[in-house]
N, C-alpha and C. Protein backbone atom coordinates (compact mmCIF):
# COMPACT_ATOMS: atom_id res chain seq x y z
N UNK A 1 0.85 -1.18 0.00
CA UNK A 1 -0.01 -0.01 -0.02
C UNK A 1 0.89 1.24 0.01
N UNK A 2 0.68 2.14 -0.97
CA UNK A 2 1.51 3.34 -1.06
C UNK A 2 1.06 4.40 -0.05
N UNK A 3 1.81 5.47 0.05
CA UNK A 3 1.58 6.50 1.07
C UNK A 3 0.21 7.18 0.89
N UNK A 4 -0.16 7.53 -0.34
CA UNK A 4 -1.43 8.20 -0.56
C UNK A 4 -2.61 7.28 -0.21
N UNK A 5 -2.49 5.98 -0.46
CA UNK A 5 -3.53 5.05 -0.07
C UNK A 5 -3.66 4.96 1.44
N UNK A 6 -2.56 5.07 2.13
CA UNK A 6 -2.57 5.05 3.61
C UNK A 6 -3.32 6.29 4.11
N UNK A 7 -3.09 7.45 3.50
CA UNK A 7 -3.77 8.67 3.88
C UNK A 7 -5.28 8.52 3.70
N UNK A 8 -5.66 7.96 2.54
CA UNK A 8 -7.10 7.72 2.29
C UNK A 8 -7.68 6.76 3.26
N UNK A 9 -6.98 5.70 3.61
CA UNK A 9 -7.49 4.71 4.58
C UNK A 9 -7.64 5.34 5.95
N UNK A 10 -6.69 6.16 6.37
CA UNK A 10 -6.79 6.84 7.63
C UNK A 10 -8.02 7.75 7.66
N UNK A 11 -8.24 8.50 6.59
CA UNK A 11 -9.45 9.37 6.50
C UNK A 11 -10.72 8.55 6.61
N UNK A 12 -10.76 7.47 5.88
CA UNK A 12 -11.97 6.61 5.90
C UNK A 12 -12.23 6.05 7.30
N UNK A 13 -11.20 5.50 7.92
CA UNK A 13 -11.35 4.92 9.26
C UNK A 13 -11.67 6.00 10.29
N UNK A 14 -10.96 7.14 10.25
CA UNK A 14 -11.25 8.22 11.19
C UNK A 14 -12.67 8.73 11.05
N UNK A 15 -13.12 8.92 9.81
CA UNK A 15 -14.49 9.40 9.57
C UNK A 15 -15.53 8.42 10.10
N UNK A 16 -15.30 7.14 9.88
CA UNK A 16 -16.26 6.13 10.35
C UNK A 16 -16.25 6.03 11.89
N UNK A 17 -15.08 6.05 12.49
CA UNK A 17 -14.98 6.00 13.94
C UNK A 17 -15.63 7.22 14.58
N UNK A 18 -15.36 8.39 14.02
CA UNK A 18 -15.96 9.63 14.56
C UNK A 18 -17.49 9.56 14.45
N UNK A 19 -18.00 9.09 13.33
CA UNK A 19 -19.45 8.99 13.15
C UNK A 19 -20.04 8.01 14.16
N UNK A 20 -19.46 6.84 14.33
CA UNK A 20 -19.96 5.86 15.27
C UNK A 20 -19.84 6.36 16.72
N UNK A 21 -18.73 6.97 17.05
CA UNK A 21 -18.54 7.54 18.39
C UNK A 21 -19.60 8.60 18.69
N UNK A 22 -19.82 9.50 17.73
CA UNK A 22 -20.82 10.56 17.92
C UNK A 22 -22.24 9.99 18.06
N UNK A 23 -22.55 8.96 17.28
CA UNK A 23 -23.88 8.36 17.37
C UNK A 23 -24.11 7.66 18.68
N UNK A 24 -23.12 6.89 19.11
CA UNK A 24 -23.26 6.09 20.35
C UNK A 24 -23.27 7.03 21.56
N UNK A 25 -22.25 7.86 21.70
CA UNK A 25 -22.15 8.71 22.88
C UNK A 25 -23.14 9.85 22.88
N UNK A 26 -23.49 10.36 21.72
CA UNK A 26 -24.53 11.38 21.60
C UNK A 26 -25.86 10.83 22.05
N UNK A 27 -26.14 9.58 21.71
CA UNK A 27 -27.42 8.97 22.08
C UNK A 27 -27.41 8.62 23.58
N UNK A 28 -26.30 8.07 24.06
CA UNK A 28 -26.25 7.64 25.46
C UNK A 28 -26.28 8.83 26.44
N UNK A 29 -25.59 9.91 26.09
CA UNK A 29 -25.45 11.02 27.02
C UNK A 29 -26.28 12.23 26.59
N UNK A 30 -27.20 12.08 25.65
CA UNK A 30 -28.13 13.13 25.27
C UNK A 30 -27.52 14.25 24.46
N UNK A 31 -26.36 14.07 23.89
CA UNK A 31 -25.77 15.08 23.03
C UNK A 31 -26.48 15.13 21.69
N UNK A 32 -26.39 16.27 21.06
CA UNK A 32 -27.08 16.43 19.77
C UNK A 32 -26.08 16.62 18.64
N UNK A 33 -24.81 16.57 18.89
CA UNK A 33 -23.86 16.70 17.79
C UNK A 33 -23.65 18.15 17.41
N UNK A 34 -24.66 18.84 16.95
CA UNK A 34 -24.50 20.21 16.53
C UNK A 34 -25.41 21.10 17.39
N UNK A 35 -24.82 21.74 18.37
CA UNK A 35 -25.64 22.65 19.17
C UNK A 35 -25.13 24.04 18.88
N UNK A 36 -26.03 24.87 18.40
CA UNK A 36 -25.66 26.26 18.27
C UNK A 36 -26.90 27.09 18.49
N UNK A 37 -26.66 28.33 18.82
CA UNK A 37 -27.78 29.19 19.22
C UNK A 37 -28.29 29.96 18.04
N UNK A 38 -29.60 29.92 17.89
CA UNK A 38 -30.26 30.66 16.80
C UNK A 38 -31.18 31.70 17.35
N UNK A 39 -32.29 31.96 16.64
CA UNK A 39 -33.28 32.96 17.03
C UNK A 39 -33.82 32.66 18.43
N UNK A 40 -33.95 33.69 19.20
CA UNK A 40 -34.55 33.58 20.51
C UNK A 40 -33.65 32.89 21.53
N UNK A 41 -32.38 32.62 21.21
CA UNK A 41 -31.50 31.97 22.13
C UNK A 41 -31.83 30.52 22.38
N UNK A 42 -32.55 29.88 21.48
CA UNK A 42 -32.95 28.50 21.68
C UNK A 42 -31.85 27.57 21.17
N UNK A 43 -31.41 26.62 22.00
CA UNK A 43 -30.42 25.65 21.61
C UNK A 43 -31.12 24.50 20.90
N UNK A 44 -30.67 24.18 19.73
CA UNK A 44 -31.32 23.14 18.94
C UNK A 44 -30.23 22.45 18.11
N UNK A 45 -30.68 21.73 17.11
CA UNK A 45 -29.74 21.16 16.16
C UNK A 45 -29.11 22.26 15.36
N UNK A 46 -29.65 23.42 15.45
CA UNK A 46 -29.20 24.58 14.73
C UNK A 46 -30.44 25.30 14.28
N UNK A 47 -30.46 26.59 14.44
CA UNK A 47 -31.63 27.34 14.05
C UNK A 47 -31.20 28.40 13.07
N UNK A 48 -31.81 28.42 11.94
CA UNK A 48 -31.49 29.42 10.92
C UNK A 48 -32.11 30.75 11.26
N UNK A 49 -31.86 31.76 10.46
CA UNK A 49 -32.40 33.09 10.68
C UNK A 49 -33.93 33.11 10.56
N UNK A 50 -34.49 32.14 9.87
CA UNK A 50 -35.95 32.08 9.72
C UNK A 50 -36.61 31.32 10.86
N UNK A 51 -35.83 30.82 11.84
CA UNK A 51 -36.40 30.09 12.98
C UNK A 51 -36.60 28.60 12.72
N UNK A 52 -36.15 28.14 11.56
CA UNK A 52 -36.31 26.71 11.21
C UNK A 52 -35.02 25.99 11.56
N UNK A 53 -35.08 24.85 12.24
CA UNK A 53 -33.88 24.12 12.57
C UNK A 53 -33.18 23.62 11.33
N UNK A 54 -31.89 23.44 11.44
CA UNK A 54 -31.11 22.93 10.32
C UNK A 54 -29.71 22.57 10.78
N UNK A 55 -28.91 22.08 9.86
CA UNK A 55 -27.53 21.67 10.12
C UNK A 55 -26.62 22.69 9.47
N UNK A 56 -25.68 23.30 10.22
CA UNK A 56 -24.75 24.22 9.58
C UNK A 56 -23.75 23.50 8.72
N UNK A 57 -23.18 24.22 7.72
CA UNK A 57 -22.30 23.58 6.76
C UNK A 57 -21.01 23.05 7.41
N UNK A 58 -20.55 23.66 8.47
CA UNK A 58 -19.32 23.19 9.14
C UNK A 58 -19.67 22.36 10.39
N UNK A 59 -20.78 21.67 10.38
CA UNK A 59 -21.17 20.83 11.51
C UNK A 59 -20.33 19.56 11.54
N UNK A 60 -20.19 18.93 12.67
CA UNK A 60 -19.44 17.68 12.77
C UNK A 60 -19.99 16.60 11.82
N UNK A 61 -21.32 16.54 11.65
CA UNK A 61 -21.92 15.55 10.73
C UNK A 61 -21.44 15.74 9.31
N UNK A 62 -21.47 16.98 8.83
CA UNK A 62 -21.10 17.27 7.46
C UNK A 62 -19.58 17.05 7.29
N UNK A 63 -18.78 17.50 8.25
CA UNK A 63 -17.33 17.31 8.15
C UNK A 63 -16.94 15.85 8.19
N UNK A 64 -17.60 15.06 9.04
CA UNK A 64 -17.33 13.62 9.11
C UNK A 64 -17.72 12.94 7.76
N UNK A 65 -18.81 13.38 7.19
CA UNK A 65 -19.24 12.85 5.89
C UNK A 65 -18.16 13.14 4.82
N UNK A 66 -17.63 14.35 4.84
CA UNK A 66 -16.63 14.72 3.87
C UNK A 66 -15.38 13.85 4.03
N UNK A 67 -14.87 13.75 5.26
CA UNK A 67 -13.63 13.00 5.52
C UNK A 67 -13.80 11.52 5.13
N UNK A 68 -14.94 10.94 5.51
CA UNK A 68 -15.20 9.55 5.20
C UNK A 68 -15.30 9.32 3.72
N UNK A 69 -16.03 10.16 3.02
CA UNK A 69 -16.19 10.04 1.56
C UNK A 69 -14.86 10.27 0.84
N UNK A 70 -14.09 11.26 1.32
CA UNK A 70 -12.79 11.54 0.70
C UNK A 70 -11.89 10.31 0.76
N UNK A 71 -11.86 9.67 1.94
CA UNK A 71 -11.06 8.45 2.10
C UNK A 71 -11.56 7.31 1.23
N UNK A 72 -12.86 7.12 1.18
CA UNK A 72 -13.43 6.03 0.40
C UNK A 72 -13.18 6.20 -1.10
N UNK A 73 -13.47 7.42 -1.59
CA UNK A 73 -13.20 7.70 -3.01
C UNK A 73 -11.72 7.56 -3.35
N UNK A 74 -10.87 8.03 -2.43
CA UNK A 74 -9.45 7.94 -2.66
C UNK A 74 -8.97 6.49 -2.79
N UNK A 75 -9.46 5.64 -1.91
CA UNK A 75 -9.07 4.20 -2.00
C UNK A 75 -9.58 3.57 -3.29
N UNK A 76 -10.78 3.93 -3.71
CA UNK A 76 -11.32 3.38 -4.97
C UNK A 76 -10.50 3.87 -6.15
N UNK A 77 -10.23 5.20 -6.20
CA UNK A 77 -9.50 5.74 -7.35
C UNK A 77 -8.03 5.27 -7.39
N UNK A 78 -7.43 4.91 -6.24
CA UNK A 78 -6.05 4.39 -6.25
C UNK A 78 -5.97 3.05 -6.93
N UNK A 79 -7.05 2.26 -6.88
CA UNK A 79 -7.06 0.91 -7.45
C UNK A 79 -7.36 0.89 -8.93
N UNK A 80 -7.86 1.96 -9.48
CA UNK A 80 -8.15 2.05 -10.94
C UNK A 80 -6.93 2.56 -11.64
N UNK A 81 -6.50 1.83 -12.70
CA UNK A 81 -5.28 2.20 -13.42
C UNK A 81 -5.32 3.65 -13.97
N UNK A 82 -6.44 4.03 -14.52
CA UNK A 82 -6.52 5.35 -15.16
C UNK A 82 -6.48 6.51 -14.11
N UNK A 83 -6.79 6.21 -12.86
CA UNK A 83 -6.80 7.29 -11.85
C UNK A 83 -5.85 6.96 -10.70
N UNK A 84 -4.85 6.12 -10.91
CA UNK A 84 -3.95 5.73 -9.84
C UNK A 84 -2.92 6.78 -9.44
N UNK A 85 -2.73 7.77 -10.30
CA UNK A 85 -1.81 8.85 -9.98
C UNK A 85 -2.43 9.79 -8.95
N UNK A 86 -1.67 10.17 -7.91
CA UNK A 86 -2.21 11.11 -6.92
C UNK A 86 -2.66 12.44 -7.53
N UNK A 87 -2.07 12.82 -8.66
CA UNK A 87 -2.45 14.06 -9.29
C UNK A 87 -3.87 14.00 -9.89
N UNK A 88 -4.30 12.76 -10.10
CA UNK A 88 -5.66 12.57 -10.61
C UNK A 88 -6.63 12.15 -9.50
N UNK A 89 -6.24 11.18 -8.67
CA UNK A 89 -7.17 10.69 -7.66
C UNK A 89 -7.42 11.66 -6.50
N UNK A 90 -6.44 12.49 -6.16
CA UNK A 90 -6.67 13.46 -5.07
C UNK A 90 -7.77 14.47 -5.42
N UNK A 91 -7.73 15.13 -6.59
CA UNK A 91 -8.81 16.07 -6.92
C UNK A 91 -10.17 15.37 -7.06
N UNK A 92 -10.13 14.14 -7.68
CA UNK A 92 -11.38 13.40 -7.79
C UNK A 92 -11.97 13.04 -6.42
N UNK A 93 -11.10 12.64 -5.50
CA UNK A 93 -11.55 12.28 -4.14
C UNK A 93 -12.05 13.53 -3.41
N UNK A 94 -11.39 14.64 -3.62
CA UNK A 94 -11.81 15.91 -3.01
C UNK A 94 -13.22 16.28 -3.55
N UNK A 95 -13.40 16.18 -4.82
CA UNK A 95 -14.70 16.46 -5.44
C UNK A 95 -15.77 15.51 -4.91
N UNK A 96 -15.46 14.24 -4.84
CA UNK A 96 -16.40 13.25 -4.31
C UNK A 96 -16.75 13.53 -2.84
N UNK A 97 -15.78 13.89 -2.05
CA UNK A 97 -16.02 14.17 -0.64
C UNK A 97 -16.92 15.39 -0.46
N UNK A 98 -16.65 16.45 -1.24
CA UNK A 98 -17.50 17.65 -1.21
C UNK A 98 -18.91 17.30 -1.64
N UNK A 99 -19.07 16.53 -2.72
CA UNK A 99 -20.38 16.16 -3.20
C UNK A 99 -21.17 15.39 -2.16
N UNK A 100 -20.54 14.44 -1.49
CA UNK A 100 -21.23 13.66 -0.45
C UNK A 100 -21.59 14.56 0.75
N UNK A 101 -20.67 15.43 1.16
CA UNK A 101 -20.94 16.34 2.28
C UNK A 101 -22.12 17.27 1.95
N UNK A 102 -22.17 17.80 0.74
CA UNK A 102 -23.30 18.67 0.35
C UNK A 102 -24.58 17.90 0.26
N UNK A 103 -24.54 16.66 -0.15
CA UNK A 103 -25.74 15.80 -0.21
C UNK A 103 -26.26 15.55 1.23
N UNK A 104 -25.36 15.27 2.18
CA UNK A 104 -25.73 15.06 3.57
C UNK A 104 -26.35 16.35 4.14
N UNK A 105 -25.71 17.48 3.84
CA UNK A 105 -26.24 18.77 4.32
C UNK A 105 -27.63 19.03 3.78
N UNK A 106 -27.83 18.83 2.52
CA UNK A 106 -29.16 19.02 1.89
C UNK A 106 -30.19 18.06 2.49
N UNK A 107 -29.80 16.83 2.63
CA UNK A 107 -30.72 15.81 3.16
C UNK A 107 -31.20 16.16 4.56
N UNK A 108 -30.28 16.44 5.49
CA UNK A 108 -30.66 16.76 6.86
C UNK A 108 -31.48 18.04 6.93
N UNK A 109 -31.06 19.09 6.18
CA UNK A 109 -31.84 20.32 6.23
C UNK A 109 -33.21 20.15 5.64
N UNK A 110 -33.37 19.33 4.60
CA UNK A 110 -34.69 19.06 4.04
C UNK A 110 -35.56 18.33 5.06
N UNK A 111 -35.02 17.38 5.74
CA UNK A 111 -35.78 16.67 6.77
C UNK A 111 -36.20 17.59 7.89
N UNK A 112 -35.27 18.43 8.38
CA UNK A 112 -35.61 19.35 9.47
C UNK A 112 -36.68 20.36 9.07
N UNK A 113 -36.59 20.87 7.87
CA UNK A 113 -37.59 21.87 7.42
C UNK A 113 -38.96 21.25 7.27
N UNK A 114 -39.06 20.06 6.74
CA UNK A 114 -40.35 19.39 6.57
C UNK A 114 -40.99 19.06 7.93
N UNK A 115 -40.22 18.51 8.83
CA UNK A 115 -40.79 18.10 10.10
C UNK A 115 -41.15 19.33 10.97
N UNK A 116 -40.33 20.34 10.93
CA UNK A 116 -40.62 21.54 11.73
C UNK A 116 -41.77 22.31 11.15
N UNK A 117 -41.82 22.45 9.86
CA UNK A 117 -42.85 23.27 9.23
C UNK A 117 -44.24 22.64 9.35
N UNK A 118 -44.34 21.36 9.52
CA UNK A 118 -45.65 20.74 9.55
C UNK A 118 -46.21 20.59 10.96
N UNK A 119 -45.40 20.69 11.97
CA UNK A 119 -45.92 20.36 13.29
C UNK A 119 -45.98 21.50 14.31
N UNK A 120 -45.19 22.52 14.15
CA UNK A 120 -45.19 23.57 15.16
C UNK A 120 -45.34 24.95 14.53
N UNK A 121 -45.97 25.83 15.24
CA UNK A 121 -46.14 27.18 14.71
C UNK A 121 -44.84 27.95 14.96
N UNK A 122 -44.68 28.99 14.21
CA UNK A 122 -43.47 29.81 14.33
C UNK A 122 -43.78 30.99 15.24
N UNK A 123 -42.96 31.16 16.26
CA UNK A 123 -43.20 32.15 17.29
C UNK A 123 -43.23 33.58 16.72
N UNK A 124 -42.35 33.93 15.83
CA UNK A 124 -42.31 35.27 15.31
C UNK A 124 -43.60 35.69 14.61
N UNK A 125 -44.34 34.73 14.08
CA UNK A 125 -45.57 35.01 13.34
C UNK A 125 -46.76 35.20 14.30
N UNK A 126 -46.57 34.97 15.58
CA UNK A 126 -47.70 35.08 16.52
C UNK A 126 -47.93 36.50 16.99
N UNK A 127 -46.95 37.34 16.93
CA UNK A 127 -47.08 38.74 17.40
C UNK A 127 -48.14 39.41 16.55
N UNK A 128 -49.15 40.05 17.23
CA UNK A 128 -50.26 40.72 16.57
C UNK A 128 -51.47 39.85 16.32
N UNK A 129 -51.35 38.56 16.55
CA UNK A 129 -52.44 37.62 16.35
C UNK A 129 -53.48 37.78 17.48
N UNK A 130 -54.74 37.59 17.15
CA UNK A 130 -55.77 37.67 18.19
C UNK A 130 -55.95 36.31 18.82
N UNK A 131 -56.37 36.34 20.10
CA UNK A 131 -56.53 35.12 20.89
C UNK A 131 -57.72 35.34 21.80
N UNK A 132 -58.18 34.25 22.39
CA UNK A 132 -59.30 34.31 23.35
C UNK A 132 -58.77 33.90 24.73
N UNK A 133 -59.26 34.55 25.76
CA UNK A 133 -58.87 34.23 27.11
C UNK A 133 -59.65 32.97 27.53
N UNK A 134 -58.95 31.90 27.86
CA UNK A 134 -59.54 30.65 28.29
C UNK A 134 -59.68 30.66 29.81
N UNK A 135 -58.60 31.02 30.48
CA UNK A 135 -58.58 31.15 31.95
C UNK A 135 -58.29 32.62 32.24
N UNK A 136 -59.16 33.28 33.02
CA UNK A 136 -58.99 34.72 33.28
C UNK A 136 -57.57 35.05 33.78
N UNK A 137 -57.12 36.22 33.40
CA UNK A 137 -55.79 36.69 33.82
C UNK A 137 -55.99 37.64 34.99
N UNK A 138 -55.59 37.25 36.20
CA UNK A 138 -55.71 38.15 37.34
C UNK A 138 -54.66 39.25 37.26
N UNK A 139 -54.89 40.32 38.02
CA UNK A 139 -53.90 41.41 38.04
C UNK A 139 -52.57 40.87 38.57
N UNK A 140 -51.52 41.13 37.80
CA UNK A 140 -50.15 40.66 38.15
C UNK A 140 -50.06 39.14 38.20
N UNK A 141 -50.96 38.43 37.48
CA UNK A 141 -50.95 36.97 37.51
C UNK A 141 -50.94 36.38 36.13
N UNK A 142 -51.10 35.08 36.07
CA UNK A 142 -51.03 34.33 34.80
C UNK A 142 -52.37 33.65 34.53
N UNK A 143 -52.82 33.78 33.29
CA UNK A 143 -54.00 33.07 32.85
C UNK A 143 -53.64 32.23 31.63
N UNK A 144 -54.65 31.90 30.83
CA UNK A 144 -54.40 31.07 29.64
C UNK A 144 -55.14 31.62 28.45
N UNK A 145 -54.47 31.60 27.32
CA UNK A 145 -55.09 32.05 26.06
C UNK A 145 -55.20 30.86 25.09
N UNK A 146 -56.06 31.03 24.12
CA UNK A 146 -56.17 30.05 23.01
C UNK A 146 -56.10 30.84 21.71
N UNK A 147 -55.28 30.35 20.80
CA UNK A 147 -55.17 31.02 19.49
C UNK A 147 -55.07 29.94 18.41
N UNK A 148 -55.33 30.35 17.18
CA UNK A 148 -55.30 29.44 16.02
C UNK A 148 -54.24 29.96 15.04
N UNK A 149 -53.41 29.05 14.60
CA UNK A 149 -52.43 29.39 13.58
C UNK A 149 -52.27 28.22 12.62
N UNK A 150 -52.34 28.51 11.32
CA UNK A 150 -52.19 27.50 10.29
C UNK A 150 -53.16 26.34 10.47
N UNK A 151 -54.36 26.66 10.92
CA UNK A 151 -55.40 25.63 11.06
C UNK A 151 -55.33 24.79 12.31
N UNK A 152 -54.36 25.09 13.18
CA UNK A 152 -54.22 24.33 14.44
C UNK A 152 -54.48 25.25 15.62
N UNK A 153 -55.11 24.69 16.63
CA UNK A 153 -55.44 25.45 17.84
C UNK A 153 -54.38 25.18 18.90
N UNK A 154 -53.93 26.25 19.56
CA UNK A 154 -52.89 26.15 20.60
C UNK A 154 -53.36 26.89 21.82
N UNK A 155 -52.84 26.51 22.97
CA UNK A 155 -53.08 27.28 24.19
C UNK A 155 -51.70 27.62 24.77
N UNK A 156 -51.71 28.70 25.58
CA UNK A 156 -50.43 29.15 26.15
C UNK A 156 -50.71 29.99 27.41
N UNK A 157 -49.74 29.99 28.36
CA UNK A 157 -49.90 30.82 29.54
C UNK A 157 -49.74 32.30 29.10
N UNK A 158 -50.51 33.18 29.74
CA UNK A 158 -50.48 34.58 29.29
C UNK A 158 -50.57 35.53 30.50
N UNK A 159 -49.96 36.68 30.34
CA UNK A 159 -50.01 37.78 31.29
C UNK A 159 -50.55 39.00 30.57
N UNK A 160 -51.11 39.92 31.33
CA UNK A 160 -51.60 41.20 30.79
C UNK A 160 -50.39 42.08 30.56
N UNK A 161 -50.27 42.63 29.35
CA UNK A 161 -49.17 43.54 29.01
C UNK A 161 -49.27 44.80 29.85
N UNK A 162 -50.49 45.26 30.09
CA UNK A 162 -50.72 46.42 30.93
C UNK A 162 -51.17 45.95 32.33
N UNK A 163 -51.32 46.86 33.24
CA UNK A 163 -51.78 46.44 34.58
C UNK A 163 -53.28 46.14 34.51
N UNK A 164 -53.74 45.37 35.47
CA UNK A 164 -55.14 45.01 35.54
C UNK A 164 -55.38 43.54 35.17
N UNK A 165 -56.66 43.15 35.28
CA UNK A 165 -57.03 41.79 34.98
C UNK A 165 -57.81 41.76 33.65
N UNK A 166 -57.91 40.57 33.05
CA UNK A 166 -58.68 40.38 31.84
C UNK A 166 -59.59 39.15 32.11
N UNK A 167 -60.90 39.37 31.90
CA UNK A 167 -61.88 38.31 32.18
C UNK A 167 -61.86 37.23 31.10
N UNK A 168 -62.31 36.06 31.46
CA UNK A 168 -62.41 34.93 30.50
C UNK A 168 -63.35 35.25 29.36
N UNK A 169 -63.06 34.69 28.21
CA UNK A 169 -63.89 34.88 27.02
C UNK A 169 -63.59 36.12 26.23
N UNK A 170 -62.79 37.04 26.75
CA UNK A 170 -62.46 38.27 26.03
C UNK A 170 -61.48 38.00 24.92
N UNK A 171 -61.50 38.84 23.89
CA UNK A 171 -60.55 38.75 22.79
C UNK A 171 -59.38 39.63 23.11
N UNK A 172 -58.16 39.12 22.92
CA UNK A 172 -56.95 39.85 23.18
C UNK A 172 -56.03 39.80 21.99
N UNK A 173 -55.02 40.66 21.98
CA UNK A 173 -54.03 40.65 20.93
C UNK A 173 -52.68 40.29 21.55
N UNK A 174 -51.94 39.38 20.92
CA UNK A 174 -50.62 38.99 21.43
C UNK A 174 -49.61 40.09 21.10
N UNK A 175 -48.97 40.66 22.14
CA UNK A 175 -48.05 41.78 21.96
C UNK A 175 -46.61 41.34 21.89
N UNK A 176 -46.26 40.37 22.75
CA UNK A 176 -44.86 39.86 22.76
C UNK A 176 -44.84 38.52 23.46
N UNK A 177 -43.72 37.80 23.25
CA UNK A 177 -43.54 36.48 23.86
C UNK A 177 -42.17 36.43 24.48
N UNK A 178 -42.11 36.05 25.76
CA UNK A 178 -40.86 35.93 26.46
C UNK A 178 -40.79 34.51 26.99
N UNK A 179 -39.89 33.71 26.43
CA UNK A 179 -39.85 32.28 26.75
C UNK A 179 -41.13 31.62 26.34
N UNK A 180 -41.84 31.06 27.27
CA UNK A 180 -43.12 30.41 26.94
C UNK A 180 -44.30 31.29 27.40
N UNK A 181 -44.00 32.48 27.92
CA UNK A 181 -45.01 33.38 28.46
C UNK A 181 -45.47 34.38 27.40
N UNK A 182 -46.78 34.46 27.13
CA UNK A 182 -47.35 35.37 26.17
C UNK A 182 -47.81 36.61 26.90
N UNK A 183 -47.54 37.78 26.38
CA UNK A 183 -48.05 39.04 26.96
C UNK A 183 -49.11 39.55 25.97
N UNK A 184 -50.29 39.81 26.54
CA UNK A 184 -51.43 40.19 25.70
C UNK A 184 -52.07 41.48 26.25
N UNK A 185 -52.87 42.11 25.39
CA UNK A 185 -53.69 43.23 25.86
C UNK A 185 -55.04 43.13 25.19
N UNK A 186 -56.06 43.66 25.84
CA UNK A 186 -57.41 43.58 25.32
C UNK A 186 -57.48 44.18 23.92
N UNK A 187 -58.19 43.46 23.05
CA UNK A 187 -58.34 43.94 21.67
C UNK A 187 -59.41 45.05 21.65
N UNK A 188 -59.20 46.09 20.83
CA UNK A 188 -60.16 47.16 20.75
C UNK A 188 -61.19 46.93 19.71
């Protein structure tokens, strides 16, 4: 085995070991692999500027995919007579590794966007929405509101944006959201 083939084999083995290590220990200890802060300070798999989870391009998953694919393509191209020269197999392996990494990036981001978009409402779109008081909001206390977004009904804890109480059954407007707490005021 020549030197370049050893480099490719090391990349392949390192990429596979890293992937298996991340999967096993991430699952056992609750790690998520890619934690970074997005909109609203929420830690997720990654949150884009639009509030939709996703995988960043320099995530461990994408980088491990690149290293593994680079090593695999390199070993394959070393064995083919037409591509056995490092001047030919290295660029081809690099191209193959980038292609696989971009495919993994696209695949994970597509999955995250579909699952997130279909099941949960987006917080930024709730500001200004009207809601109904389900449980009265006492002065300086917490009640409950009900609102509808994208055909789904949701409930949430709510406080009065201004001082005073709001009786049950009244229509309110969502003014702001802090954590899971909605701040509302009576609709005019």
